[in-house]
Amino acid sequence: MRRKLAAGNWKMNGTGDSLGELAALAESHTGPAADILICPPATLLSRAAEIAKGSAVAIGGQDCHANASGAHTGDLSAAMLKDAGASAVILGHSERRADHGETDAQICAKAEASLAEGLTAVICIGETLSEREGGDTLKVVGTQLAGSVPASATGKNTVVAYEPVWAIGTGKVPTLEQISEVHNFLRAELTTRFGAGTAEAIRLLYGGSVKPSNAREIFAVSNVDGALVGGASLKAADFSPIITALEAA
């Protein structure tokens, strides 16, 4: 049975003072029924890993380069993230796709590099509002899924996060029927590609304006194995109820 996952993406937020929130979260969830992952900015990775050491909270990065090393100023390799204490990395987030023009092929290469280092790849996919309104949601997410997830993906090393771009940080949330349609579609696509065993083991997260007030109903949707949470993961008081709702789902 798939173990549920609550993942927090701090994005470009947080300084050393913010690590108190991580400590509070770790103290509040000492034996959770769901996995917990916090992905702070790279400047906090090693300190976050030290705080989370021995707790139920895992630490991840927000991106990595596909190459192991080289002349790539400002970039970080998967090995560097692992050395800093990360056990996972978010890849292909819509903000990376939009702001940096990342393609499915580039994201797949990053995922392959991450898996080679033993990191769990949290691969993000999702449609824009115009694509949703144009009726292209399943086409878009299907293409992203096929192009971004490497052939070496398994339930142990890969997580797929569906985040409709138009719902990220906007307060807008798809209907439960829309979330169900996409997650059921993704499971079917993974089954066609990898077979039922692997497909059933890969966790599918929903992301996009998840908050304590709507978490429970979202987690009750079929094939939703957890959430990738942005703003609400910055404060333990906001993220903790989401974790509790996931544990009860």
Protein backbone atom coordinates (compact mmCIF):
# COMPACT_ATOMS: atom_id res chain seq x y z
CA MET A 1 0.00 0.00 0.00
CA ARG A 2 1.30 3.45 -0.92
CA ARG A 3 2.46 5.49 2.06
CA LYS A 4 1.03 9.00 1.95
CA LEU A 5 3.31 12.02 1.58
CA ALA A 6 2.99 15.64 2.69
CA ALA A 7 5.66 17.68 0.90
CA GLY A 8 6.35 21.35 1.57
CA ASN A 9 8.00 23.59 -1.03
CA TRP A 10 9.34 26.75 0.57
CA LYS A 11 10.31 28.17 -2.83
CA MET A 12 12.39 31.40 -2.56
CA ASN A 13 11.35 32.01 1.03
CA GLY A 14 13.17 31.65 4.31
CA THR A 15 16.33 32.58 6.15
CA GLY A 16 17.96 31.04 9.19
CA ASP A 17 15.19 32.40 11.40
CA SER A 18 12.68 30.28 9.47
CA LEU A 19 14.24 27.05 10.66
CA GLY A 20 12.35 27.39 13.93
CA GLU A 21 9.23 26.44 11.95
CA LEU A 22 10.94 23.25 10.81
CA ALA A 23 11.94 22.42 14.37
CA ALA A 24 8.37 22.98 15.57
CA LEU A 25 7.03 20.73 12.82
CA ALA A 26 9.47 17.96 13.70
CA GLU A 27 8.51 18.19 17.35
CA SER A 28 4.79 18.03 16.54
CA HIS A 29 4.96 14.92 14.35
CA THR A 30 7.20 12.37 16.00
CA GLY A 31 5.58 9.23 14.61
CA PRO A 32 3.40 10.26 11.68
CA ALA A 33 1.31 7.87 9.63
CA ALA A 34 2.39 9.82 6.54
CA ASP A 35 5.82 10.79 5.23
CA ILE A 36 6.82 14.43 5.63
CA LEU A 37 9.19 16.27 3.30
CA ILE A 38 10.32 19.89 3.54
CA CYS A 39 12.19 21.49 0.62
CA PRO A 40 13.80 24.75 1.80
CA PRO A 41 15.98 27.02 -0.34
CA ALA A 42 19.48 25.68 -0.95
CA THR A 43 21.00 28.14 1.50
CA LEU A 44 19.20 26.35 4.33
CA LEU A 45 19.62 22.74 3.23
CA SER A 46 22.47 21.66 5.47
CA ARG A 47 21.10 23.48 8.52
CA ALA A 48 17.62 22.07 7.89
CA ALA A 49 19.02 18.56 7.57
CA GLU A 50 20.80 18.95 10.91
CA ILE A 51 17.60 20.11 12.62
CA ALA A 52 15.55 17.30 11.06
CA LYS A 53 18.14 14.62 11.82
CA GLY A 54 16.56 11.78 13.77
CA SER A 55 13.04 13.15 13.25
CA ALA A 56 10.20 12.03 10.97
CA VAL A 57 10.84 14.97 8.61
CA ALA A 58 12.94 14.46 5.48
CA ILE A 59 14.69 17.32 3.67
CA GLY A 60 14.77 17.91 -0.08
CA GLY A 61 16.06 20.33 -2.68
CA GLN A 62 14.02 22.43 -5.10
CA ASP A 63 15.98 21.71 -8.29
CA CYS A 64 19.25 20.25 -9.52
CA HIS A 65 21.40 20.21 -12.63
CA ALA A 66 21.47 17.17 -14.87
CA ASN A 67 25.27 17.10 -14.87
CA ALA A 68 27.35 15.77 -12.00
CA SER A 69 29.74 18.75 -12.10
CA GLY A 70 31.17 21.36 -14.42
CA ALA A 71 31.06 25.00 -15.48
CA HIS A 72 27.48 25.73 -14.45
CA THR A 73 27.65 28.80 -12.26
CA GLY A 74 24.88 28.98 -9.70
CA ASP A 75 23.65 25.44 -10.27
CA LEU A 76 23.73 22.47 -7.90
CA SER A 77 24.18 18.81 -8.77
CA ALA A 78 22.22 15.96 -7.27
CA ALA A 79 25.36 14.85 -5.46
CA MET A 80 25.69 18.29 -3.87
CA LEU A 81 22.11 18.16 -2.61
CA LYS A 82 22.68 14.71 -1.17
CA ASP A 83 25.92 15.87 0.47
CA ALA A 84 24.00 18.75 2.10
CA GLY A 85 21.53 16.31 3.63
CA ALA A 86 18.75 16.09 1.03
CA SER A 87 17.02 12.80 0.33
CA ALA A 88 14.69 14.13 -2.38
CA VAL A 89 14.41 16.92 -4.94
CA ILE A 90 11.52 18.72 -6.63
CA LEU A 91 11.88 18.78 -10.42
CA GLY A 92 9.89 20.40 -13.21
CA HIS A 93 7.85 22.73 -11.04
CA SER A 94 5.71 25.01 -13.19
CA GLU A 95 7.69 28.01 -11.97
CA ARG A 96 10.88 26.39 -13.27
CA ARG A 97 9.16 25.50 -16.54
CA ALA A 98 7.84 29.06 -16.97
CA ASP A 99 10.68 31.16 -15.53
CA HIS A 100 13.56 29.09 -16.89
CA GLY A 101 12.01 27.49 -19.95
CA GLU A 102 12.65 23.96 -18.73
CA THR A 103 11.52 21.24 -21.13
CA ASP A 104 10.26 17.76 -20.40
CA ALA A 105 13.53 16.34 -21.74
CA GLN A 106 15.61 18.52 -19.42
CA ILE A 107 13.47 17.56 -16.45
CA CYS A 108 13.81 13.89 -17.34
CA ALA A 109 17.60 14.27 -17.48
CA LYS A 110 17.57 15.92 -14.06
CA ALA A 111 15.41 13.10 -12.72
CA GLU A 112 17.81 10.49 -14.08
CA ALA A 113 20.72 12.28 -12.39
CA SER A 114 18.79 12.46 -9.12
CA LEU A 115 17.85 8.79 -9.15
CA ALA A 116 21.46 7.87 -9.89
CA GLU A 117 22.44 9.61 -6.64
CA GLY A 118 19.72 7.88 -4.66
CA LEU A 119 17.45 10.91 -4.33
CA THR A 120 13.70 10.67 -4.66
CA ALA A 121 12.51 12.72 -7.62
CA VAL A 122 9.28 14.67 -7.08
CA ILE A 123 8.33 15.41 -10.68
CA CYS A 124 5.76 18.18 -11.23
CA ILE A 125 3.26 18.44 -14.07
CA GLY A 126 0.24 20.64 -14.68
CA GLU A 127 -1.75 22.69 -17.16
CA THR A 128 -2.23 26.45 -17.49
CA LEU A 129 -5.62 28.11 -17.30
CA SER A 130 -5.81 28.53 -21.09
CA GLU A 131 -5.01 24.84 -21.55
CA ARG A 132 -7.69 23.90 -19.02
CA GLU A 133 -10.28 26.14 -20.67
CA GLY A 134 -9.29 24.79 -24.07
CA GLY A 135 -10.03 21.24 -22.98
CA ASP A 136 -6.38 20.18 -23.27
CA THR A 137 -5.68 19.24 -19.65
CA LEU A 138 -5.25 15.50 -20.13
CA LYS A 139 -3.25 15.98 -23.31
CA VAL A 140 -0.88 18.40 -21.59
CA VAL A 141 -0.34 16.42 -18.40
CA GLY A 142 -0.05 13.18 -20.38
CA THR A 143 2.68 14.67 -22.55
CA GLN A 144 4.53 16.07 -19.53
CA LEU A 145 4.25 12.77 -17.69
CA ALA A 146 5.61 10.77 -20.62
CA GLY A 147 8.46 13.19 -21.28
CA SER A 148 9.51 14.03 -17.73
CA VAL A 149 9.41 10.67 -15.93
CA PRO A 150 12.46 8.49 -16.71
CA ALA A 151 12.29 4.82 -17.63
CA SER A 152 14.04 3.96 -14.35
CA ALA A 153 11.18 5.32 -12.24
CA THR A 154 9.82 3.12 -9.47
CA GLY A 155 7.53 3.59 -6.53
CA LYS A 156 10.56 3.93 -4.27
CA ASN A 157 12.41 6.63 -6.18
CA THR A 158 9.72 8.68 -7.96
CA VAL A 159 6.75 10.81 -6.93
CA VAL A 160 4.51 12.63 -9.42
CA ALA A 161 2.89 15.89 -8.34
CA TYR A 162 -0.05 17.26 -10.32
CA GLU A 163 -0.21 21.03 -9.88
CA PRO A 164 -2.59 22.94 -12.15
CA VAL A 165 -0.64 26.13 -12.81
CA TRP A 166 -3.74 28.29 -12.44
CA ALA A 167 -4.30 27.02 -8.89
CA ILE A 168 -0.82 27.66 -7.51
CA GLY A 169 -0.92 30.50 -4.99
CA THR A 170 -4.17 31.86 -6.40
CA GLY A 171 -6.64 30.42 -3.93
CA LYS A 172 -8.42 28.75 -6.84
CA VAL A 173 -8.83 24.99 -6.53
CA PRO A 174 -10.11 22.55 -9.17
CA THR A 175 -13.29 20.73 -8.33
CA LEU A 176 -12.88 17.35 -6.68
CA GLU A 177 -14.15 15.78 -9.90
CA GLN A 178 -11.44 17.55 -11.92
CA ILE A 179 -8.72 16.42 -9.51
CA SER A 180 -10.05 12.87 -9.62
CA GLU A 181 -10.15 12.84 -13.41
CA VAL A 182 -6.51 13.87 -13.71
CA HIS A 183 -5.19 11.57 -10.99
CA ASN A 184 -7.07 8.57 -12.34
CA PHE A 185 -5.75 9.40 -15.81
CA LEU A 186 -2.18 9.63 -14.53
CA ARG A 187 -2.47 6.26 -12.79
CA ALA A 188 -3.76 4.71 -16.00
CA GLU A 189 -0.95 6.26 -18.05
CA LEU A 190 1.66 4.97 -15.60
CA THR A 191 0.08 1.52 -15.74
CA THR A 192 0.28 1.46 -19.53
CA ARG A 193 3.95 2.45 -19.45
CA PHE A 194 5.32 0.66 -16.41
CA GLY A 195 2.82 -2.07 -15.64
CA ALA A 196 0.40 -2.30 -12.75
CA GLY A 197 2.97 -3.13 -10.07
CA THR A 198 5.15 -0.07 -10.56
CA ALA A 199 2.25 2.23 -11.40
CA GLU A 200 0.39 1.33 -8.23
CA ALA A 201 3.51 2.04 -6.15
CA ILE A 202 4.21 5.55 -7.51
CA ARG A 203 2.65 8.20 -5.30
CA LEU A 204 0.55 10.92 -6.91
CA LEU A 205 0.40 14.23 -5.07
CA TYR A 206 -1.97 17.12 -5.64
CA GLY A 207 -0.68 20.68 -5.35
CA GLY A 208 -2.28 24.08 -5.75
CA SER A 209 -3.79 26.18 -2.94
CA VAL A 210 -3.95 23.27 -0.50
CA LYS A 211 -4.74 24.53 2.98
CA PRO A 212 -6.14 23.16 6.25
CA SER A 213 -9.70 24.08 5.28
CA ASN A 214 -9.77 22.00 2.09
CA ALA A 215 -7.13 19.32 2.73
CA ARG A 216 -9.42 16.63 4.07
CA GLU A 217 -11.77 16.65 1.08
CA ILE A 218 -8.89 16.68 -1.40
CA PHE A 219 -7.22 13.73 0.31
CA ALA A 220 -10.44 11.75 0.04
CA VAL A 221 -10.23 11.86 -3.78
CA SER A 222 -9.22 8.65 -5.53
CA ASN A 223 -5.52 8.29 -6.35
CA VAL A 224 -4.52 11.35 -4.33
CA ASP A 225 -1.67 10.12 -2.14
CA GLY A 226 -0.78 13.42 -0.53
CA ALA A 227 0.05 17.01 -1.37
CA LEU A 228 2.82 19.29 -2.55
CA VAL A 229 2.19 22.45 -0.54
CA GLY A 230 3.66 25.89 -1.11
CA GLY A 231 2.80 28.86 1.11
CA ALA A 232 1.00 26.83 3.75
CA SER A 233 4.18 24.84 4.42
CA LEU A 234 6.13 27.87 5.62
CA LYS A 235 4.50 27.87 9.05
CA ALA A 236 4.23 24.79 11.23
CA ALA A 237 0.82 25.96 12.45
CA ASP A 238 -0.49 25.91 8.86
CA PHE A 239 1.25 22.78 7.60
CA SER A 240 0.66 20.60 10.64
CA PRO A 241 -3.15 20.43 10.19
CA ILE A 242 -2.62 19.41 6.56
CA ILE A 243 -0.39 16.55 7.70
CA THR A 244 -2.98 15.54 10.29
CA ALA A 245 -5.72 15.57 7.62
CA LEU A 246 -3.58 13.37 5.39
CA GLU A 247 -2.95 10.91 8.19
CA ALA A 248 -6.69 10.62 8.74
CA ALA A 249 -7.51 10.15 5.04
